[in-house]
Amino acid sequence: MPEHSPLRVLVLDTVMDRGGAETMMMNYLRHFDREQVTYDFLVNRDYHAAYEDEIEALGGRIYRMCPMYPQYFGRYKREFCAFLQQHPEYQIIHSNLEERSYFPLRIAAEQGIPVRIAHAHNRPVGFDLKSIFREYFRMRLPKYVTHMFACGTEAGDWLFGEKNRDKVIQQRNAIDTAVYRYDPSLAAQVRAEFGVTDPDTFVLGHVGRFFPQKNHTFLIDIFAEVHKQCPNSVLWLVGGGELNDELKNQIKAKVEGLGLSDAVRFFGVRDDVNRLLQGMDSFILPSLYEGLPVTMIEAQASGLPCTISDRVPRQCDVTGNVQIIGLDEPPAAWAKRILDQHATYAGTDRASGADAVAHAGFDITSNAEWLQKFYLDALAKPARV
């Protein structure tokens, strides 16, 4: 490899839209010394996703392969094997495909790729047809991995098993805390921009894709109770859905059916989440399962009090401003707790949230330096054996 060429790490992901794992990888890419280390991406969706223009502007490459559905497993294996043979420059693979990492990392091991990272971002719960495949691949994955990464303990335990907990590297969902620091003048500007002119209006916010995991149906039930208890309230929903937006449209219909259309705003996919968080008063995440969501780190850096379900790891509370409520609690109980938390939190210095998140180890600058060094050291070690 010529001296001036950076080490190119191949990242495996489904699609580079604005999801948590994807946003995390972009945060690292932006803060690497890209003359030393950079990312290229191999994705499984045949459309131009939200982050692709920025990836290419930063010098990254994007490759596409067939979807990883059961009917395509054989084709995927053949295509991925051919890809590695055509691209010998990739000696480090960083996979965000959860249990499906088994396929590419097994092939990578057979092809002699020396550094093979599987990264756990989620902790699925419940049982469905996918669970059978998940368990089969999950049990076989560790054999083909050289390094195990996880965003949090629970996600790592699920993907790699508790027996491997000591081997798992906790790789933080780090952010640029400076761009999330609360600024009251900016907050007022954002609220006015989106029609919230009364400073006493309570703005409840949520950031998350319209996937079943995020539990939007229950979220709307909770907000209906918030609005009943506090009529001067609005809900901001940030995030998109699948290409056909089926679930998003169902949620919109539910909002209309409850007569809440004037109080619920659908922002869609945004590249200014840091600004929108400024305008919120409280943040909610009633998910059915999570790993350690980057949105929770962003919300806390913005100084927001947060409410999460008991299915979201308590490890995501890095500031002490997060309350946990069971999903078996009725919406009215959630609403009361959220409004009580807001009343207690009033007058708190929100600007200190960014410092608290940085102090907890989630600032991107030092984390990017660490990960960059990790890649270079991991690749150098096999040569010294």
Protein backbone atom coordinates (compact mmCIF):
# COMPACT_ATOMS: atom_id res chain seq x y z
CA MET A 1 0.00 0.00 0.00
CA PRO A 2 1.53 3.40 -0.96
CA GLU A 3 2.44 5.61 1.99
CA HIS A 4 -0.07 8.30 1.09
CA SER A 5 -2.99 5.89 0.84
CA PRO A 6 -5.27 5.66 3.89
CA LEU A 7 -6.25 2.36 5.46
CA ARG A 8 -9.68 1.65 3.96
CA VAL A 9 -12.03 -0.18 6.33
CA LEU A 10 -14.99 -1.92 4.69
CA VAL A 11 -18.19 -1.27 6.65
CA LEU A 12 -21.12 -3.65 6.12
CA ASP A 13 -24.57 -2.16 6.66
CA THR A 14 -28.07 -2.62 5.28
CA VAL A 15 -28.50 0.94 4.05
CA MET A 16 -26.86 4.24 4.94
CA ASP A 17 -29.98 6.11 6.01
CA ARG A 18 -30.23 8.17 9.19
CA GLY A 19 -30.54 5.30 11.68
CA GLY A 20 -28.61 5.02 14.92
CA ALA A 21 -25.79 2.70 13.82
CA GLU A 22 -25.42 4.55 10.53
CA THR A 23 -25.26 7.93 12.26
CA MET A 24 -22.65 6.58 14.65
CA MET A 25 -20.42 5.41 11.78
CA MET A 26 -20.79 8.78 10.08
CA ASN A 27 -19.77 10.58 13.28
CA TYR A 28 -16.57 8.53 13.35
CA LEU A 29 -15.88 8.99 9.64
CA ARG A 30 -16.19 12.76 9.96
CA HIS A 31 -13.69 12.86 12.81
CA PHE A 32 -11.03 10.44 11.57
CA ASP A 33 -7.79 11.71 10.10
CA ARG A 34 -8.94 10.42 6.73
CA GLU A 35 -5.41 10.45 5.36
CA GLN A 36 -4.75 7.60 7.78
CA VAL A 37 -8.07 5.73 8.10
CA THR A 38 -11.33 6.00 6.18
CA TYR A 39 -14.51 4.04 5.54
CA ASP A 40 -16.04 2.47 2.45
CA PHE A 41 -19.52 0.96 2.66
CA LEU A 42 -21.10 -2.19 1.27
CA VAL A 43 -24.91 -1.99 1.52
CA ASN A 44 -27.85 -4.26 0.67
CA ARG A 45 -30.42 -1.80 -0.64
CA ASP A 46 -30.57 -0.57 -4.22
CA TYR A 47 -31.48 3.06 -3.66
CA HIS A 48 -29.62 6.29 -2.97
CA ALA A 49 -29.74 6.67 0.82
CA ALA A 50 -29.51 9.79 2.97
CA TYR A 51 -25.81 9.64 3.88
CA GLU A 52 -24.42 8.59 0.49
CA ASP A 53 -23.68 12.06 -0.86
CA GLU A 54 -21.73 12.95 2.28
CA ILE A 55 -19.84 9.65 2.23
CA GLU A 56 -18.67 10.34 -1.31
CA ALA A 57 -17.82 13.96 -0.47
CA LEU A 58 -15.59 12.65 2.33
CA GLY A 59 -13.82 10.33 -0.12
CA GLY A 60 -15.70 7.14 0.75
CA ARG A 61 -16.94 4.55 -1.71
CA ILE A 62 -20.33 2.84 -1.78
CA TYR A 63 -20.86 -0.68 -3.11
CA ARG A 64 -24.14 -2.54 -3.42
CA MET A 65 -25.09 -6.17 -3.09
CA CYS A 66 -28.32 -8.16 -3.07
CA PRO A 67 -30.59 -8.06 0.03
CA MET A 68 -29.89 -10.50 2.86
CA TYR A 69 -33.27 -12.23 2.74
CA PRO A 70 -33.43 -16.04 3.00
CA GLN A 71 -34.18 -16.43 -0.71
CA TYR A 72 -30.97 -14.51 -1.50
CA PHE A 73 -28.58 -16.17 0.99
CA GLY A 74 -26.89 -18.34 -1.65
CA ARG A 75 -26.53 -15.45 -4.07
CA TYR A 76 -25.18 -13.17 -1.33
CA LYS A 77 -22.47 -15.65 -0.41
CA ARG A 78 -21.34 -15.97 -4.02
CA GLU A 79 -21.38 -12.22 -4.61
CA PHE A 80 -19.55 -11.39 -1.39
CA CYS A 81 -16.85 -13.97 -2.04
CA ALA A 82 -16.32 -12.53 -5.54
CA PHE A 83 -16.25 -9.00 -4.10
CA LEU A 84 -13.42 -9.81 -1.68
CA GLN A 85 -11.42 -11.44 -4.44
CA GLN A 86 -11.88 -8.33 -6.59
CA HIS A 87 -10.95 -5.99 -3.70
CA PRO A 88 -7.86 -7.30 -1.91
CA GLU A 89 -7.34 -3.83 -0.40
CA TYR A 90 -9.86 -4.59 2.34
CA GLN A 91 -8.05 -6.22 5.23
CA ILE A 92 -10.45 -4.94 7.92
CA ILE A 93 -14.20 -5.56 7.81
CA HIS A 94 -16.49 -3.83 10.32
CA SER A 95 -19.96 -5.36 10.17
CA ASN A 96 -23.11 -3.73 11.56
CA LEU A 97 -25.35 -6.54 10.29
CA GLU A 98 -25.95 -8.03 13.74
CA GLU A 99 -26.44 -11.84 13.57
CA ARG A 100 -26.35 -11.72 9.75
CA SER A 101 -22.67 -10.81 10.07
CA TYR A 102 -22.19 -14.58 10.22
CA PHE A 103 -22.41 -14.81 6.40
CA PRO A 104 -19.84 -12.20 5.34
CA LEU A 105 -17.46 -12.75 8.26
CA ARG A 106 -17.36 -16.49 7.68
CA ILE A 107 -16.49 -15.87 4.03
CA ALA A 108 -13.95 -13.23 5.07
CA ALA A 109 -12.31 -15.75 7.41
CA GLU A 110 -12.16 -18.33 4.64
CA GLN A 111 -10.59 -15.67 2.37
CA GLY A 112 -7.95 -14.85 4.98
CA ILE A 113 -9.11 -11.34 5.92
CA PRO A 114 -7.13 -10.74 9.14
CA VAL A 115 -9.43 -8.31 11.03
CA ARG A 116 -13.15 -9.15 11.24
CA ILE A 117 -15.29 -7.02 13.55
CA ALA A 118 -18.92 -7.74 14.41
CA HIS A 119 -20.70 -4.82 16.07
CA ALA A 120 -23.82 -5.35 18.22
CA HIS A 121 -26.28 -2.45 18.15
CA ASN A 122 -29.55 -4.01 19.27
CA ARG A 123 -31.17 -6.41 21.68
CA PRO A 124 -34.16 -8.03 19.93
CA VAL A 125 -36.93 -9.37 22.14
CA GLY A 126 -39.97 -11.51 21.48
CA PHE A 127 -40.33 -14.39 19.06
CA ASP A 128 -41.27 -14.47 15.40
CA LEU A 129 -40.17 -16.34 12.29
CA LYS A 130 -36.99 -14.25 12.10
CA SER A 131 -36.04 -15.43 15.58
CA ILE A 132 -35.21 -18.91 14.25
CA PHE A 133 -32.72 -17.49 11.77
CA ARG A 134 -31.39 -15.02 14.33
CA GLU A 135 -30.57 -17.74 16.84
CA TYR A 136 -28.97 -20.01 14.24
CA PHE A 137 -26.65 -17.28 12.94
CA ARG A 138 -25.97 -15.74 16.35
CA MET A 139 -24.72 -19.02 17.81
CA ARG A 140 -22.31 -19.53 14.91
CA LEU A 141 -21.01 -15.99 14.55
CA PRO A 142 -18.31 -15.78 17.29
CA LYS A 143 -16.17 -18.46 15.63
CA TYR A 144 -15.53 -16.17 12.65
CA VAL A 145 -15.00 -12.89 14.53
CA THR A 146 -11.62 -11.51 15.56
CA HIS A 147 -13.06 -8.58 17.54
CA MET A 148 -16.46 -8.17 19.21
CA PHE A 149 -17.88 -4.65 19.50
CA ALA A 150 -21.10 -3.54 21.21
CA CYS A 151 -22.80 -0.22 21.88
CA GLY A 152 -23.82 -1.48 25.33
CA THR A 153 -23.69 -4.49 27.62
CA GLU A 154 -27.15 -5.87 26.79
CA ALA A 155 -26.60 -5.67 23.03
CA GLY A 156 -23.25 -7.46 23.43
CA ASP A 157 -24.75 -10.16 25.64
CA TRP A 158 -27.44 -10.85 23.06
CA LEU A 159 -25.21 -11.11 20.00
CA PHE A 160 -22.15 -12.78 21.53
CA GLY A 161 -23.49 -14.42 24.68
CA GLU A 162 -22.77 -13.51 28.30
CA LYS A 163 -19.87 -15.97 28.31
CA ASN A 164 -18.03 -13.63 25.94
CA ARG A 165 -18.76 -10.44 27.89
CA ASP A 166 -15.12 -10.00 28.92
CA LYS A 167 -14.06 -10.11 25.26
CA VAL A 168 -16.53 -7.49 24.06
CA ILE A 169 -15.25 -3.97 23.41
CA GLN A 170 -17.77 -1.33 24.45
CA GLN A 171 -17.59 1.05 21.49
CA ARG A 172 -19.50 4.19 22.41
CA ASN A 173 -22.17 5.79 20.25
CA ALA A 174 -20.18 9.02 20.47
CA ILE A 175 -21.35 12.41 19.20
CA ASP A 176 -20.00 15.91 18.69
CA THR A 177 -21.34 17.29 21.97
CA ALA A 178 -20.58 20.89 20.95
CA VAL A 179 -23.29 20.95 18.27
CA TYR A 180 -25.93 19.71 20.75
CA ARG A 181 -25.20 22.21 23.54
CA TYR A 182 -28.38 24.04 24.54
CA ASP A 183 -28.71 27.66 23.47
CA PRO A 184 -31.91 29.39 24.64
CA SER A 185 -31.95 31.89 21.79
CA LEU A 186 -31.64 29.07 19.24
CA ALA A 187 -34.35 27.12 21.08
CA ALA A 188 -36.75 30.08 20.80
CA GLN A 189 -35.90 30.46 17.12
CA VAL A 190 -36.55 26.78 16.37
CA ARG A 191 -39.85 26.76 18.27
CA ALA A 192 -41.06 29.87 16.42
CA GLU A 193 -39.95 28.37 13.11
CA PHE A 194 -42.33 25.46 13.69
CA GLY A 195 -45.26 27.39 15.06
CA VAL A 196 -44.62 27.20 18.81
CA THR A 197 -44.82 30.86 19.83
CA ASP A 198 -46.07 30.40 23.40
CA PRO A 199 -43.08 29.80 25.73
CA ASP A 200 -45.38 27.76 28.01
CA THR A 201 -46.24 25.22 25.28
CA PHE A 202 -44.90 21.79 26.25
CA VAL A 203 -43.00 20.19 23.36
CA LEU A 204 -42.54 16.43 23.69
CA GLY A 205 -40.05 15.03 21.20
CA HIS A 206 -39.08 11.68 19.69
CA VAL A 207 -36.39 10.76 17.16
CA GLY A 208 -36.64 7.35 15.53
CA ARG A 209 -37.45 5.57 12.31
CA PHE A 210 -40.99 4.33 11.83
CA PHE A 211 -40.18 0.69 12.59
CA PRO A 212 -42.25 -1.53 14.93
CA GLN A 213 -39.33 -1.58 17.40
CA LYS A 214 -39.85 2.13 18.18
CA ASN A 215 -43.44 1.52 19.39
CA HIS A 216 -45.02 4.58 17.78
CA THR A 217 -48.56 3.29 18.33
CA PHE A 218 -48.08 3.33 22.09
CA LEU A 219 -46.24 6.64 21.83
CA ILE A 220 -49.32 8.25 20.28
CA ASP A 221 -51.49 6.79 23.05
CA ILE A 222 -49.13 8.35 25.61
CA PHE A 223 -49.23 11.73 23.90
CA ALA A 224 -53.03 11.62 23.72
CA GLU A 225 -52.99 11.43 27.53
CA VAL A 226 -50.32 14.14 27.79
CA HIS A 227 -52.53 16.39 25.66
CA LYS A 228 -55.55 15.56 27.82
CA GLN A 229 -53.65 16.48 31.00
CA CYS A 230 -51.86 19.43 29.38
CA PRO A 231 -53.82 20.80 26.39
CA ASN A 232 -51.05 23.31 25.64
CA SER A 233 -48.75 20.58 24.33
CA VAL A 234 -47.40 19.31 21.01
CA LEU A 235 -45.51 16.24 19.84
CA TRP A 236 -42.58 16.41 17.41
CA LEU A 237 -41.82 13.16 15.59
CA VAL A 238 -38.49 13.10 13.73
CA GLY A 239 -37.69 10.22 11.38
CA GLY A 240 -38.75 8.43 8.22
CA GLY A 241 -39.86 4.92 7.48
CA GLU A 242 -39.47 2.26 4.85
CA LEU A 243 -39.73 3.33 1.22
CA ASN A 244 -43.50 2.90 1.18
CA ASP A 245 -43.97 4.59 4.59
CA GLU A 246 -46.71 2.08 5.50
CA LEU A 247 -46.24 2.29 9.26
CA LYS A 248 -45.79 6.07 9.17
CA ASN A 249 -49.10 6.39 7.32
CA GLN A 250 -50.80 4.16 9.88
CA ILE A 251 -49.55 6.41 12.67
CA LYS A 252 -50.75 9.50 10.82
CA ALA A 253 -54.20 7.91 10.49
CA LYS A 254 -54.22 7.13 14.22
CA VAL A 255 -53.31 10.74 15.01
CA GLU A 256 -56.16 11.99 12.82
CA GLY A 257 -58.59 9.52 14.37
CA LEU A 258 -57.75 10.86 17.84
CA GLY A 259 -58.25 14.44 16.70
CA LEU A 260 -54.61 15.33 17.34
CA SER A 261 -53.54 16.43 13.87
CA ASP A 262 -52.98 20.03 14.98
CA ALA A 263 -50.80 18.90 17.90
CA VAL A 264 -48.56 16.29 16.22
CA ARG A 265 -45.87 17.29 13.73
CA PHE A 266 -44.19 14.75 11.45
CA PHE A 267 -40.77 16.10 10.51
CA GLY A 268 -39.57 13.18 8.39
CA VAL A 269 -35.86 12.51 7.87
CA ARG A 270 -33.79 15.52 8.92
CA ASP A 271 -30.14 16.47 8.89
CA ASP A 272 -30.60 19.04 11.68
CA VAL A 273 -31.69 16.87 14.60
CA ASN A 274 -29.35 18.86 16.85
CA ARG A 275 -31.43 22.01 16.12
CA LEU A 276 -34.78 20.30 16.61
CA LEU A 277 -33.72 18.94 20.00
CA GLN A 278 -33.14 22.53 21.13
CA GLY A 279 -36.82 23.30 20.66
CA MET A 280 -38.06 20.34 22.69
CA ASP A 281 -38.86 20.31 26.42
CA SER A 282 -38.75 16.57 26.98
CA PHE A 283 -37.72 13.45 25.08
CA ILE A 284 -39.48 10.07 24.95
CA LEU A 285 -38.36 6.62 23.78
CA PRO A 286 -40.92 3.88 24.55
CA SER A 287 -39.15 1.25 22.42
CA LEU A 288 -39.83 -2.47 22.54
CA TYR A 289 -36.05 -3.06 22.47
CA GLU A 290 -32.83 -1.12 21.92
CA GLY A 291 -29.09 -1.52 22.13
CA LEU A 292 -27.79 1.80 23.41
CA PRO A 293 -29.51 4.38 21.19
CA VAL A 294 -27.47 7.31 19.92
CA THR A 295 -30.61 9.46 20.05
CA MET A 296 -30.57 9.16 23.84
CA ILE A 297 -27.00 10.47 23.95
CA GLU A 298 -27.98 13.34 21.64
CA ALA A 299 -31.06 14.20 23.72
CA GLN A 300 -29.08 14.25 26.96
CA ALA A 301 -26.33 16.38 25.37
CA SER A 302 -29.13 18.85 24.55
CA GLY A 303 -30.01 18.95 28.23
CA LEU A 304 -33.39 17.28 27.84
CA PRO A 305 -35.11 15.24 30.55
CA CYS A 306 -35.85 11.83 29.03
CA THR A 307 -38.40 9.08 29.55
CA ILE A 308 -37.67 5.57 28.31
CA SER A 309 -39.35 2.19 28.53
CA ASP A 310 -38.03 -0.61 30.70
CA ARG A 311 -36.92 -2.34 27.48
CA VAL A 312 -34.30 0.36 26.80
CA PRO A 313 -31.02 -0.33 28.66
CA ARG A 314 -30.65 1.89 31.73
CA GLN A 315 -26.99 2.10 30.70
CA CYS A 316 -28.07 4.86 28.30
CA ASP A 317 -28.69 7.18 31.27
CA VAL A 318 -25.34 8.98 31.35
CA THR A 319 -26.54 12.23 32.97
CA GLY A 320 -29.03 11.13 35.65
CA ASN A 321 -31.86 12.89 33.78
CA VAL A 322 -33.57 9.74 32.49
CA GLN A 323 -36.62 8.09 34.04
CA ILE A 324 -37.71 4.54 33.24
CA ILE A 325 -41.34 3.41 33.01
CA GLY A 326 -42.62 -0.11 32.39
CA LEU A 327 -44.40 -0.80 29.12
CA ASP A 328 -47.14 -2.43 31.19
CA GLU A 329 -47.97 0.96 32.73
CA PRO A 330 -51.02 2.65 31.13
CA PRO A 331 -50.58 5.71 28.90
CA ALA A 332 -52.13 7.97 31.55
CA ALA A 333 -49.41 6.95 34.03
CA TRP A 334 -46.71 7.66 31.46
CA ALA A 335 -48.23 11.07 30.77
CA LYS A 336 -48.32 12.03 34.45
CA ARG A 337 -44.72 10.97 35.00
CA ILE A 338 -43.57 12.90 31.91
CA LEU A 339 -45.35 16.10 32.95
CA ASP A 340 -44.18 15.77 36.57
CA GLN A 341 -40.60 15.34 35.36
CA HIS A 342 -40.96 18.43 33.15
CA ALA A 343 -42.27 20.51 36.08
CA THR A 344 -39.41 19.38 38.31
CA TYR A 345 -36.83 20.01 35.59
CA ALA A 346 -37.98 23.58 34.84
CA GLY A 347 -35.22 26.11 35.42
CA THR A 348 -32.43 23.54 35.18
CA ASP A 349 -29.30 24.59 33.28
CA ARG A 350 -29.76 22.62 30.07
CA ALA A 351 -26.42 23.79 28.66
CA SER A 352 -24.62 21.57 31.18
CA GLY A 353 -25.95 18.47 29.38
CA ALA A 354 -23.20 18.62 26.74
CA ASP A 355 -20.50 18.68 29.42
CA ALA A 356 -22.11 15.79 31.30
CA VAL A 357 -22.24 13.65 28.16
CA ALA A 358 -18.62 14.47 27.30
CA HIS A 359 -17.58 13.69 30.89
CA ALA A 360 -19.34 10.31 30.57
CA GLY A 361 -17.02 9.47 27.67
CA PHE A 362 -19.33 10.04 24.71
CA ASP A 363 -17.58 12.91 22.94
CA ILE A 364 -16.57 11.95 19.41
CA THR A 365 -13.09 13.51 19.26
CA SER A 366 -11.32 11.20 21.73
CA ASN A 367 -13.39 8.18 20.65
CA ALA A 368 -12.48 8.68 16.99
CA GLU A 369 -8.81 8.91 17.90
CA TRP A 370 -9.11 5.65 19.84
CA LEU A 371 -10.92 3.77 17.06
CA GLN A 372 -8.52 4.98 14.40
CA LYS A 373 -5.58 3.71 16.46
CA PHE A 374 -7.44 0.44 17.11
CA TYR A 375 -7.79 -0.26 13.39
CA LEU A 376 -4.14 0.47 12.67
CA ASP A 377 -2.92 -1.61 15.63
CA ALA A 378 -5.28 -4.52 14.88
CA LEU A 379 -3.97 -4.75 11.33
CA ALA A 380 -0.33 -4.48 12.43
CA LYS A 381 -0.54 -7.22 15.09
CA PRO A 382 -0.91 -10.21 12.72
CA ALA A 383 2.26 -9.07 10.91
CA ARG A 384 4.22 -9.19 14.17
CA VAL A 385 3.23 -12.76 15.03
